[in-house]
Full PDB file with SEQRES, HELIX, SHEET, SSBOND, CRYST1, ORIGX, SCALE, CONECT and MASTER records, all heavy atoms in Angstrom:
SEQRES   1 A   37  GLY ILE SER LYS LEU SER ASP GLY ALA PHE ILE ASN PHE          
SEQRES   2 A   37  SER VAL GLN ASN GLY LEU ILE ASP ASN THR ILE ASN CYS          
SEQRES   3 A   37  MET TYR GLU ASP ALA SER GLY ASN VAL TRP VAL                  
HELIX    1 AA1 VAL A   15  ASN A   17  5                                   3    
SHEET    1 AA1 2 ILE A   2  SER A   6  0                                        
SHEET    2 AA1 2 ALA A   9  PHE A  13 -1                                        
SHEET    1 AA2 2 TYR A  28  GLU A  29  0                                        
SHEET    2 AA2 2 VAL A  35  TRP A  36 -1                                        
CRYST1    1.000    1.000    1.000  90.00  90.00  90.00 P 1           1          
ORIGX1      1.000000  0.000000  0.000000        0.00000                         
ORIGX2      0.000000  1.000000  0.000000        0.00000                         
ORIGX3      0.000000  0.000000  1.000000        0.00000                         
SCALE1      1.000000  0.000000  0.000000        0.00000                         
SCALE2      0.000000  1.000000  0.000000        0.00000                         
SCALE3      0.000000  0.000000  1.000000        0.00000                         
ATOM      1  N   GLY A   1       0.813  -1.204   0.000  1.00  0.00           N  
ATOM      2  CA  GLY A   1       0.000   0.000   0.000  1.00  0.00           C  
ATOM      3  C   GLY A   1       0.847   1.254   0.000  1.00  0.00           C  
ATOM      4  O   GLY A   1       2.021   1.235  -0.395  1.00  0.00           O  
ATOM      5  N   ILE A   2       0.261   2.360   0.464  1.00  0.00           N  
ATOM      6  CA  ILE A   2       0.909   3.675   0.427  1.00  0.00           C  
ATOM      7  C   ILE A   2       1.045   4.235   1.837  1.00  0.00           C  
ATOM      8  O   ILE A   2       0.129   4.125   2.655  1.00  0.00           O  
ATOM      9  CB  ILE A   2       0.087   4.661  -0.425  1.00  0.00           C  
ATOM     10  CG1 ILE A   2       0.066   4.223  -1.882  1.00  0.00           C  
ATOM     11  CG2 ILE A   2       0.640   6.086  -0.319  1.00  0.00           C  
ATOM     12  CD1 ILE A   2      -0.852   5.067  -2.746  1.00  0.00           C  
ATOM     13  N   SER A   3       2.183   4.874   2.094  1.00  0.00           N  
ATOM     14  CA  SER A   3       2.378   5.664   3.304  1.00  0.00           C  
ATOM     15  C   SER A   3       2.646   7.101   2.894  1.00  0.00           C  
ATOM     16  O   SER A   3       3.579   7.363   2.137  1.00  0.00           O  
ATOM     17  CB  SER A   3       3.560   5.139   4.130  1.00  0.00           C  
ATOM     18  OG  SER A   3       3.270   3.905   4.728  1.00  0.00           O  
ATOM     19  N   LYS A   4       1.812   8.028   3.390  1.00  0.00           N  
ATOM     20  CA  LYS A   4       2.022   9.451   3.122  1.00  0.00           C  
ATOM     21  C   LYS A   4       2.590  10.113   4.369  1.00  0.00           C  
ATOM     22  O   LYS A   4       1.979  10.073   5.442  1.00  0.00           O  
ATOM     23  CB  LYS A   4       0.705  10.122   2.710  1.00  0.00           C  
ATOM     24  CG  LYS A   4       0.882  11.614   2.368  1.00  0.00           C  
ATOM     25  CD  LYS A   4      -0.379  12.230   1.802  1.00  0.00           C  
ATOM     26  CE  LYS A   4      -1.410  12.494   2.878  1.00  0.00           C  
ATOM     27  NZ  LYS A   4      -2.525  13.345   2.391  1.00  0.00           N  
ATOM     28  N   LEU A   5       3.775  10.714   4.224  1.00  0.00           N  
ATOM     29  CA  LEU A   5       4.411  11.410   5.338  1.00  0.00           C  
ATOM     30  C   LEU A   5       3.930  12.855   5.348  1.00  0.00           C  
ATOM     31  O   LEU A   5       4.241  13.636   4.451  1.00  0.00           O  
ATOM     32  CB  LEU A   5       5.930  11.353   5.209  1.00  0.00           C  
ATOM     33  CG  LEU A   5       6.743  11.999   6.331  1.00  0.00           C  
ATOM     34  CD1 LEU A   5       6.473  11.302   7.663  1.00  0.00           C  
ATOM     35  CD2 LEU A   5       8.232  11.965   6.008  1.00  0.00           C  
ATOM     36  N   SER A   6       3.156  13.196   6.362  1.00  0.00           N  
ATOM     37  CA  SER A   6       2.574  14.530   6.474  1.00  0.00           C  
ATOM     38  C   SER A   6       2.755  15.030   7.903  1.00  0.00           C  
ATOM     39  O   SER A   6       2.309  14.378   8.847  1.00  0.00           O  
ATOM     40  CB  SER A   6       1.089  14.502   6.105  1.00  0.00           C  
ATOM     41  OG  SER A   6       0.507  15.786   6.198  1.00  0.00           O  
ATOM     42  N   ASP A   7       3.427  16.177   8.048  1.00  0.00           N  
ATOM     43  CA  ASP A   7       3.678  16.769   9.373  1.00  0.00           C  
ATOM     44  C   ASP A   7       4.368  15.783  10.309  1.00  0.00           C  
ATOM     45  O   ASP A   7       4.063  15.701  11.506  1.00  0.00           O  
ATOM     46  CB  ASP A   7       2.369  17.264  10.003  1.00  0.00           C  
ATOM     47  CG  ASP A   7       1.722  18.393   9.209  1.00  0.00           C  
ATOM     48  OD1 ASP A   7       2.474  19.207   8.635  1.00  0.00           O  
ATOM     49  OD2 ASP A   7       0.486  18.447   9.150  1.00  0.00           O  
ATOM     50  N   GLY A   8       5.291  15.011   9.752  1.00  0.00           N  
ATOM     51  CA  GLY A   8       6.093  14.110  10.564  1.00  0.00           C  
ATOM     52  C   GLY A   8       5.466  12.781  10.894  1.00  0.00           C  
ATOM     53  O   GLY A   8       6.079  11.962  11.603  1.00  0.00           O  
ATOM     54  N   ALA A   9       4.253  12.507  10.407  1.00  0.00           N  
ATOM     55  CA  ALA A   9       3.572  11.246  10.709  1.00  0.00           C  
ATOM     56  C   ALA A   9       3.166  10.543   9.422  1.00  0.00           C  
ATOM     57  O   ALA A   9       2.892  11.185   8.398  1.00  0.00           O  
ATOM     58  CB  ALA A   9       2.346  11.494  11.580  1.00  0.00           C  
ATOM     59  N   PHE A  10       3.134   9.214   9.461  1.00  0.00           N  
ATOM     60  CA  PHE A  10       2.724   8.425   8.308  1.00  0.00           C  
ATOM     61  C   PHE A  10       1.218   8.181   8.331  1.00  0.00           C  
ATOM     62  O   PHE A  10       0.661   7.771   9.353  1.00  0.00           O  
ATOM     63  CB  PHE A  10       3.453   7.077   8.290  1.00  0.00           C  
ATOM     64  CG  PHE A  10       4.920   7.174   7.983  1.00  0.00           C  
ATOM     65  CD1 PHE A  10       5.870   6.966   8.973  1.00  0.00           C  
ATOM     66  CD2 PHE A  10       5.356   7.480   6.705  1.00  0.00           C  
ATOM     67  CE1 PHE A  10       7.214   7.050   8.696  1.00  0.00           C  
ATOM     68  CE2 PHE A  10       6.707   7.570   6.412  1.00  0.00           C  
ATOM     69  CZ  PHE A  10       7.643   7.357   7.416  1.00  0.00           C  
ATOM     70  N   ILE A  11       0.572   8.450   7.193  1.00  0.00           N  
ATOM     71  CA  ILE A  11      -0.839   8.119   6.985  1.00  0.00           C  
ATOM     72  C   ILE A  11      -0.869   7.003   5.943  1.00  0.00           C  
ATOM     73  O   ILE A  11      -0.346   7.183   4.826  1.00  0.00           O  
ATOM     74  CB  ILE A  11      -1.642   9.331   6.494  1.00  0.00           C  
ATOM     75  CG1 ILE A  11      -1.501  10.495   7.484  1.00  0.00           C  
ATOM     76  CG2 ILE A  11      -3.109   8.970   6.302  1.00  0.00           C  
ATOM     77  CD1 ILE A  11      -2.058  11.804   6.957  1.00  0.00           C  
ATOM     78  N   ASN A  12      -1.466   5.872   6.285  1.00  0.00           N  
ATOM     79  CA  ASN A  12      -1.390   4.693   5.431  1.00  0.00           C  
ATOM     80  C   ASN A  12      -2.694   4.430   4.673  1.00  0.00           C  
ATOM     81  O   ASN A  12      -3.790   4.663   5.188  1.00  0.00           O  
ATOM     82  CB  ASN A  12      -1.012   3.465   6.259  1.00  0.00           C  
ATOM     83  CG  ASN A  12       0.382   3.588   6.858  1.00  0.00           C  
ATOM     84  OD1 ASN A  12       1.263   4.208   6.261  1.00  0.00           O  
ATOM     85  ND2 ASN A  12       0.587   3.005   8.026  1.00  0.00           N  
ATOM     86  N   PHE A  13      -2.523   3.944   3.433  1.00  0.00           N  
ATOM     87  CA  PHE A  13      -3.658   3.607   2.567  1.00  0.00           C  
ATOM     88  C   PHE A  13      -3.431   2.210   1.996  1.00  0.00           C  
ATOM     89  O   PHE A  13      -2.327   1.880   1.558  1.00  0.00           O  
ATOM     90  CB  PHE A  13      -3.805   4.603   1.416  1.00  0.00           C  
ATOM     91  CG  PHE A  13      -3.971   6.036   1.859  1.00  0.00           C  
ATOM     92  CD1 PHE A  13      -2.872   6.866   2.015  1.00  0.00           C  
ATOM     93  CD2 PHE A  13      -5.236   6.558   2.120  1.00  0.00           C  
ATOM     94  CE1 PHE A  13      -3.023   8.181   2.407  1.00  0.00           C  
ATOM     95  CE2 PHE A  13      -5.400   7.878   2.520  1.00  0.00           C  
ATOM     96  CZ  PHE A  13      -4.289   8.698   2.665  1.00  0.00           C  
ATOM     97  N   SER A  14      -4.496   1.430   1.960  1.00  0.00           N  
ATOM     98  CA  SER A  14      -4.449   0.100   1.357  1.00  0.00           C  
ATOM     99  C   SER A  14      -5.802  -0.170   0.701  1.00  0.00           C  
ATOM    100  O   SER A  14      -6.645   0.719   0.601  1.00  0.00           O  
ATOM    101  CB  SER A  14      -4.137  -0.961   2.419  1.00  0.00           C  
ATOM    102  OG  SER A  14      -5.224  -1.073   3.328  1.00  0.00           O  
ATOM    103  N   VAL A  15      -6.015  -1.393   0.265  1.00  0.00           N  
ATOM    104  CA  VAL A  15      -7.299  -1.740  -0.343  1.00  0.00           C  
ATOM    105  C   VAL A  15      -8.444  -1.539   0.646  1.00  0.00           C  
ATOM    106  O   VAL A  15      -9.586  -1.291   0.266  1.00  0.00           O  
ATOM    107  CB  VAL A  15      -7.293  -3.190  -0.874  1.00  0.00           C  
ATOM    108  CG1 VAL A  15      -6.374  -3.323  -2.070  1.00  0.00           C  
ATOM    109  CG2 VAL A  15      -6.891  -4.179   0.219  1.00  0.00           C  
ATOM    110  N   GLN A  16      -8.133  -1.620   1.937  1.00  0.00           N  
ATOM    111  CA  GLN A  16      -9.162  -1.396   2.955  1.00  0.00           C  
ATOM    112  C   GLN A  16      -9.634   0.053   2.986  1.00  0.00           C  
ATOM    113  O   GLN A  16     -10.730   0.339   3.463  1.00  0.00           O  
ATOM    114  CB  GLN A  16      -8.617  -1.801   4.329  1.00  0.00           C  
ATOM    115  CG  GLN A  16      -8.334  -3.278   4.460  1.00  0.00           C  
ATOM    116  CD  GLN A  16      -7.766  -3.643   5.822  1.00  0.00           C  
ATOM    117  OE1 GLN A  16      -7.241  -2.790   6.531  1.00  0.00           O  
ATOM    118  NE2 GLN A  16      -7.867  -4.917   6.184  1.00  0.00           N  
ATOM    119  N   ASN A  17      -8.788   0.961   2.460  1.00  0.00           N  
ATOM    120  CA  ASN A  17      -9.161   2.379   2.393  1.00  0.00           C  
ATOM    121  C   ASN A  17      -9.639   2.804   1.009  1.00  0.00           C  
ATOM    122  O   ASN A  17      -9.894   3.983   0.783  1.00  0.00           O  
ATOM    123  CB  ASN A  17      -7.967   3.252   2.791  1.00  0.00           C  
ATOM    124  CG  ASN A  17      -7.366   2.847   4.114  1.00  0.00           C  
ATOM    125  OD1 ASN A  17      -6.310   2.220   4.155  1.00  0.00           O  
ATOM    126  ND2 ASN A  17      -8.037   3.195   5.206  1.00  0.00           N  
ATOM    127  N   GLY A  18      -9.741   1.829   0.080  1.00  0.00           N  
ATOM    128  CA  GLY A  18     -10.248   2.143  -1.248  1.00  0.00           C  
ATOM    129  C   GLY A  18      -9.257   2.003  -2.377  1.00  0.00           C  
ATOM    130  O   GLY A  18      -9.626   2.175  -3.549  1.00  0.00           O  
ATOM    131  N   LEU A  19      -7.977   1.713  -2.077  1.00  0.00           N  
ATOM    132  CA  LEU A  19      -7.001   1.492  -3.145  1.00  0.00           C  
ATOM    133  C   LEU A  19      -7.414   0.306  -4.010  1.00  0.00           C  
ATOM    134  O   LEU A  19      -7.966  -0.675  -3.515  1.00  0.00           O  
ATOM    135  CB  LEU A  19      -5.619   1.224  -2.565  1.00  0.00           C  
ATOM    136  CG  LEU A  19      -4.699   2.403  -2.253  1.00  0.00           C  
ATOM    137  CD1 LEU A  19      -3.383   1.893  -1.690  1.00  0.00           C  
ATOM    138  CD2 LEU A  19      -4.456   3.264  -3.472  1.00  0.00           C  
ATOM    139  N   ILE A  20      -7.125   0.395  -5.288  1.00  0.00           N  
ATOM    140  CA  ILE A  20      -7.495  -0.684  -6.200  1.00  0.00           C  
ATOM    141  C   ILE A  20      -6.619  -1.912  -6.004  1.00  0.00           C  
ATOM    142  O   ILE A  20      -7.031  -3.036  -6.274  1.00  0.00           O  
ATOM    143  CB  ILE A  20      -7.430  -0.189  -7.668  1.00  0.00           C  
ATOM    144  CG1 ILE A  20      -8.194  -1.138  -8.588  1.00  0.00           C  
ATOM    145  CG2 ILE A  20      -5.991   0.000  -8.138  1.00  0.00           C  
ATOM    146  CD1 ILE A  20      -8.420  -0.585  -9.967  1.00  0.00           C  
ATOM    147  N   ASP A  21      -5.387  -1.702  -5.505  1.00  0.00           N  
ATOM    148  CA  ASP A  21      -4.462  -2.809  -5.277  1.00  0.00           C  
ATOM    149  C   ASP A  21      -3.372  -2.327  -4.330  1.00  0.00           C  
ATOM    150  O   ASP A  21      -3.061  -1.139  -4.295  1.00  0.00           O  
ATOM    151  CB  ASP A  21      -3.856  -3.293  -6.597  1.00  0.00           C  
ATOM    152  CG  ASP A  21      -3.109  -4.608  -6.436  1.00  0.00           C  
ATOM    153  OD1 ASP A  21      -3.772  -5.658  -6.352  1.00  0.00           O  
ATOM    154  OD2 ASP A  21      -1.866  -4.577  -6.409  1.00  0.00           O  
ATOM    155  N   ASN A  22      -2.789  -3.229  -3.570  1.00  0.00           N  
ATOM    156  CA  ASN A  22      -1.754  -2.851  -2.606  1.00  0.00           C  
ATOM    157  C   ASN A  22      -0.352  -2.793  -3.211  1.00  0.00           C  
ATOM    158  O   ASN A  22       0.556  -2.224  -2.604  1.00  0.00           O  
ATOM    159  CB  ASN A  22      -1.734  -3.824  -1.430  1.00  0.00           C  
ATOM    160  CG  ASN A  22      -2.871  -3.573  -0.458  1.00  0.00           C  
ATOM    161  OD1 ASN A  22      -3.411  -2.477  -0.383  1.00  0.00           O  
ATOM    162  ND2 ASN A  22      -3.244  -4.600   0.289  1.00  0.00           N  
ATOM    163  N   THR A  23      -0.162  -3.383  -4.384  1.00  0.00           N  
ATOM    164  CA  THR A  23       1.151  -3.370  -5.026  1.00  0.00           C  
ATOM    165  C   THR A  23       1.307  -2.083  -5.822  1.00  0.00           C  
ATOM    166  O   THR A  23       0.730  -1.920  -6.898  1.00  0.00           O  
ATOM    167  CB  THR A  23       1.321  -4.584  -5.953  1.00  0.00           C  
ATOM    168  OG1 THR A  23       1.132  -5.781  -5.193  1.00  0.00           O  
ATOM    169  CG2 THR A  23       2.705  -4.595  -6.573  1.00  0.00           C  
ATOM    170  N   ILE A  24       2.097  -1.156  -5.289  1.00  0.00           N  
ATOM    171  CA  ILE A  24       2.259   0.166  -5.900  1.00  0.00           C  
ATOM    172  C   ILE A  24       3.501   0.168  -6.790  1.00  0.00           C  
ATOM    173  O   ILE A  24       4.603  -0.163  -6.335  1.00  0.00           O  
ATOM    174  CB  ILE A  24       2.390   1.260  -4.821  1.00  0.00           C  
ATOM    175  CG1 ILE A  24       1.280   1.104  -3.770  1.00  0.00           C  
ATOM    176  CG2 ILE A  24       2.374   2.637  -5.459  1.00  0.00           C  
ATOM    177  CD1 ILE A  24      -0.126   1.170  -4.311  1.00  0.00           C  
ATOM    178  N   ASN A  25       3.333   0.578  -8.050  1.00  0.00           N  
ATOM    179  CA  ASN A  25       4.451   0.628  -8.989  1.00  0.00           C  
ATOM    180  C   ASN A  25       4.973   2.040  -9.233  1.00  0.00           C  
ATOM    181  O   ASN A  25       6.168   2.239  -9.429  1.00  0.00           O  
ATOM    182  CB  ASN A  25       4.041   0.019 -10.337  1.00  0.00           C  
ATOM    183  CG  ASN A  25       3.728  -1.449 -10.235  1.00  0.00           C  
ATOM    184  OD1 ASN A  25       4.257  -2.157  -9.378  1.00  0.00           O  
ATOM    185  ND2 ASN A  25       2.855  -1.931 -11.108  1.00  0.00           N  
ATOM    186  N   CYS A  26       4.075   3.028  -9.254  1.00  0.00           N  
ATOM    187  CA  CYS A  26       4.477   4.387  -9.597  1.00  0.00           C  
ATOM    188  C   CYS A  26       3.428   5.372  -9.097  1.00  0.00           C  
ATOM    189  O   CYS A  26       2.281   4.996  -8.827  1.00  0.00           O  
ATOM    190  CB  CYS A  26       4.660   4.537 -11.110  1.00  0.00           C  
ATOM    191  SG  CYS A  26       3.169   4.146 -12.071  1.00  0.00           S  
ATOM    192  N   MET A  27       3.819   6.646  -8.985  1.00  0.00           N  
ATOM    193  CA  MET A  27       2.901   7.702  -8.558  1.00  0.00           C  
ATOM    194  C   MET A  27       3.222   8.982  -9.315  1.00  0.00           C  
ATOM    195  O   MET A  27       4.375   9.242  -9.670  1.00  0.00           O  
ATOM    196  CB  MET A  27       3.020   7.931  -7.050  1.00  0.00           C  
ATOM    197  CG  MET A  27       2.544   6.752  -6.211  1.00  0.00           C  
ATOM    198  SD  MET A  27       2.705   7.041  -4.425  1.00  0.00           S  
ATOM    199  CE  MET A  27       4.487   6.986  -4.239  1.00  0.00           C  
ATOM    200  N   TYR A  28       2.175   9.798  -9.547  1.00  0.00           N  
ATOM    201  CA  TYR A  28       2.353  11.045 -10.293  1.00  0.00           C  
ATOM    202  C   TYR A  28       1.297  12.055  -9.847  1.00  0.00           C  
ATOM    203  O   TYR A  28       0.120  11.691  -9.689  1.00  0.00           O  
ATOM    204  CB  TYR A  28       2.224  10.796 -11.805  1.00  0.00           C  
ATOM    205  CG  TYR A  28       2.423  12.033 -12.648  1.00  0.00           C  
ATOM    206  CD1 TYR A  28       3.703  12.464 -12.986  1.00  0.00           C  
ATOM    207  CD2 TYR A  28       1.338  12.780 -13.093  1.00  0.00           C  
ATOM    208  CE1 TYR A  28       3.898  13.607 -13.748  1.00  0.00           C  
ATOM    209  CE2 TYR A  28       1.525  13.926 -13.852  1.00  0.00           C  
ATOM    210  CZ  TYR A  28       2.805  14.341 -14.176  1.00  0.00           C  
ATOM    211  OH  TYR A  28       2.995  15.475 -14.920  1.00  0.00           O  
ATOM    212  N   GLU A  29       1.712  13.309  -9.645  1.00  0.00           N  
ATOM    213  CA  GLU A  29       0.765  14.378  -9.323  1.00  0.00           C  
ATOM    214  C   GLU A  29       0.532  15.239 -10.558  1.00  0.00           C  
ATOM    215  O   GLU A  29       1.487  15.762 -11.149  1.00  0.00           O  
ATOM    216  CB  GLU A  29       1.287  15.251  -8.190  1.00  0.00           C  
ATOM    217  CG  GLU A  29       0.276  16.317  -7.750  1.00  0.00           C  
ATOM    218  CD  GLU A  29       0.801  17.229  -6.648  1.00  0.00           C  
ATOM    219  OE1 GLU A  29       2.042  17.308  -6.492  1.00  0.00           O  
ATOM    220  OE2 GLU A  29      -0.015  17.871  -5.966  1.00  0.00           O  
ATOM    221  N   ASP A  30      -0.727  15.394 -10.972  1.00  0.00           N  
ATOM    222  CA  ASP A  30      -1.017  16.183 -12.167  1.00  0.00           C  
ATOM    223  C   ASP A  30      -1.125  17.672 -11.829  1.00  0.00           C  
ATOM    224  O   ASP A  30      -0.977  18.090 -10.677  1.00  0.00           O  
ATOM    225  CB  ASP A  30      -2.273  15.665 -12.880  1.00  0.00           C  
ATOM    226  CG  ASP A  30      -3.553  15.845 -12.069  1.00  0.00           C  
ATOM    227  OD1 ASP A  30      -3.602  16.705 -11.170  1.00  0.00           O  
ATOM    228  OD2 ASP A  30      -4.535  15.121 -12.348  1.00  0.00           O  
ATOM    229  N   ALA A  31      -1.367  18.484 -12.841  1.00  0.00           N  
ATOM    230  CA  ALA A  31      -1.391  19.938 -12.683  1.00  0.00           C  
ATOM    231  C   ALA A  31      -2.522  20.409 -11.779  1.00  0.00           C  
ATOM    232  O   ALA A  31      -2.462  21.519 -11.235  1.00  0.00           O  
ATOM    233  CB  ALA A  31      -1.495  20.601 -14.049  1.00  0.00           C  
ATOM    234  N   SER A  32      -3.543  19.583 -11.605  1.00  0.00           N  
ATOM    235  CA  SER A  32      -4.668  19.937 -10.740  1.00  0.00           C  
ATOM    236  C   SER A  32      -4.489  19.471  -9.304  1.00  0.00           C  
ATOM    237  O   SER A  32      -5.365  19.689  -8.465  1.00  0.00           O  
ATOM    238  CB  SER A  32      -5.973  19.345 -11.313  1.00  0.00           C  
ATOM    239  OG  SER A  32      -6.227  19.858 -12.612  1.00  0.00           O  
ATOM    240  N   GLY A  33      -3.371  18.819  -9.023  1.00  0.00           N  
ATOM    241  CA  GLY A  33      -3.104  18.331  -7.675  1.00  0.00           C  
ATOM    242  C   GLY A  33      -3.620  16.941  -7.393  1.00  0.00           C  
ATOM    243  O   GLY A  33      -3.530  16.471  -6.253  1.00  0.00           O  
ATOM    244  N   ASN A  34      -4.163  16.261  -8.405  1.00  0.00           N  
ATOM    245  CA  ASN A  34      -4.590  14.877  -8.225  1.00  0.00           C  
ATOM    246  C   ASN A  34      -3.375  13.958  -8.218  1.00  0.00           C  
ATOM    247  O   ASN A  34      -2.464  14.117  -9.041  1.00  0.00           O  
ATOM    248  CB  ASN A  34      -5.537  14.452  -9.348  1.00  0.00           C  
ATOM    249  CG  ASN A  34      -6.759  15.335  -9.453  1.00  0.00           C  
ATOM    250  OD1 ASN A  34      -7.455  15.550  -8.474  1.00  0.00           O  
ATOM    251  ND2 ASN A  34      -7.014  15.871 -10.643  1.00  0.00           N  
ATOM    252  N   VAL A  35      -3.361  12.988  -7.327  1.00  0.00           N  
ATOM    253  CA  VAL A  35      -2.272  12.021  -7.256  1.00  0.00           C  
ATOM    254  C   VAL A  35      -2.721  10.722  -7.911  1.00  0.00           C  
ATOM    255  O   VAL A  35      -3.680  10.084  -7.468  1.00  0.00           O  
ATOM    256  CB  VAL A  35      -1.835  11.776  -5.805  1.00  0.00           C  
ATOM    257  CG1 VAL A  35      -0.796  10.662  -5.740  1.00  0.00           C  
ATOM    258  CG2 VAL A  35      -1.263  13.054  -5.198  1.00  0.00           C  
ATOM    259  N   TRP A  36      -2.029  10.366  -8.994  1.00  0.00           N  
ATOM    260  CA  TRP A  36      -2.315   9.136  -9.731  1.00  0.00           C  
ATOM    261  C   TRP A  36      -1.377   8.044  -9.232  1.00  0.00           C  
ATOM    262  O   TRP A  36      -0.164   8.223  -9.197  1.00  0.00           O  
ATOM    263  CB  TRP A  36      -2.110   9.361 -11.226  1.00  0.00           C  
ATOM    264  CG  TRP A  36      -3.079  10.326 -11.845  1.00  0.00           C  
ATOM    265  CD1 TRP A  36      -3.157  11.665 -11.607  1.00  0.00           C  
ATOM    266  CD2 TRP A  36      -4.091  10.022 -12.795  1.00  0.00           C  
ATOM    267  NE1 TRP A  36      -4.167  12.225 -12.353  1.00  0.00           N  
ATOM    268  CE2 TRP A  36      -4.761  11.242 -13.097  1.00  0.00           C  
ATOM    269  CE3 TRP A  36      -4.507   8.849 -13.434  1.00  0.00           C  
ATOM    270  CZ2 TRP A  36      -5.813  11.307 -14.000  1.00  0.00           C  
ATOM    271  CZ3 TRP A  36      -5.551   8.916 -14.337  1.00  0.00           C  
ATOM    272  CH2 TRP A  36      -6.202  10.142 -14.614  1.00  0.00           C  
ATOM    273  N   VAL A  37      -1.963   6.921  -8.867  1.00  0.00           N  
ATOM    274  CA  VAL A  37      -1.190   5.809  -8.309  1.00  0.00           C  
ATOM    275  C   VAL A  37      -1.331   4.604  -9.235  1.00  0.00           C  
ATOM    276  O   VAL A  37      -2.427   4.070  -9.412  1.00  0.00           O  
ATOM    277  CB  VAL A  37      -1.682   5.455  -6.895  1.00  0.00           C  
ATOM    278  CG1 VAL A  37      -0.882   4.280  -6.341  1.00  0.00           C  
ATOM    279  CG2 VAL A  37      -1.576   6.665  -5.972  1.00  0.00           C  
TER     280      VAL A  37                                                      
MASTER        0    0    0    1    4    0    0    6  279    1    0    3          
END                                                                             
């Protein structure tokens, strides 16, 4: 899954939080601020 480091703490995301899959290959932020995983 994903760990987001924000203000010194990790916020975790997995399929239990709505991710389509836990195996993360790449990430990209578009011009509108959307994060593509």
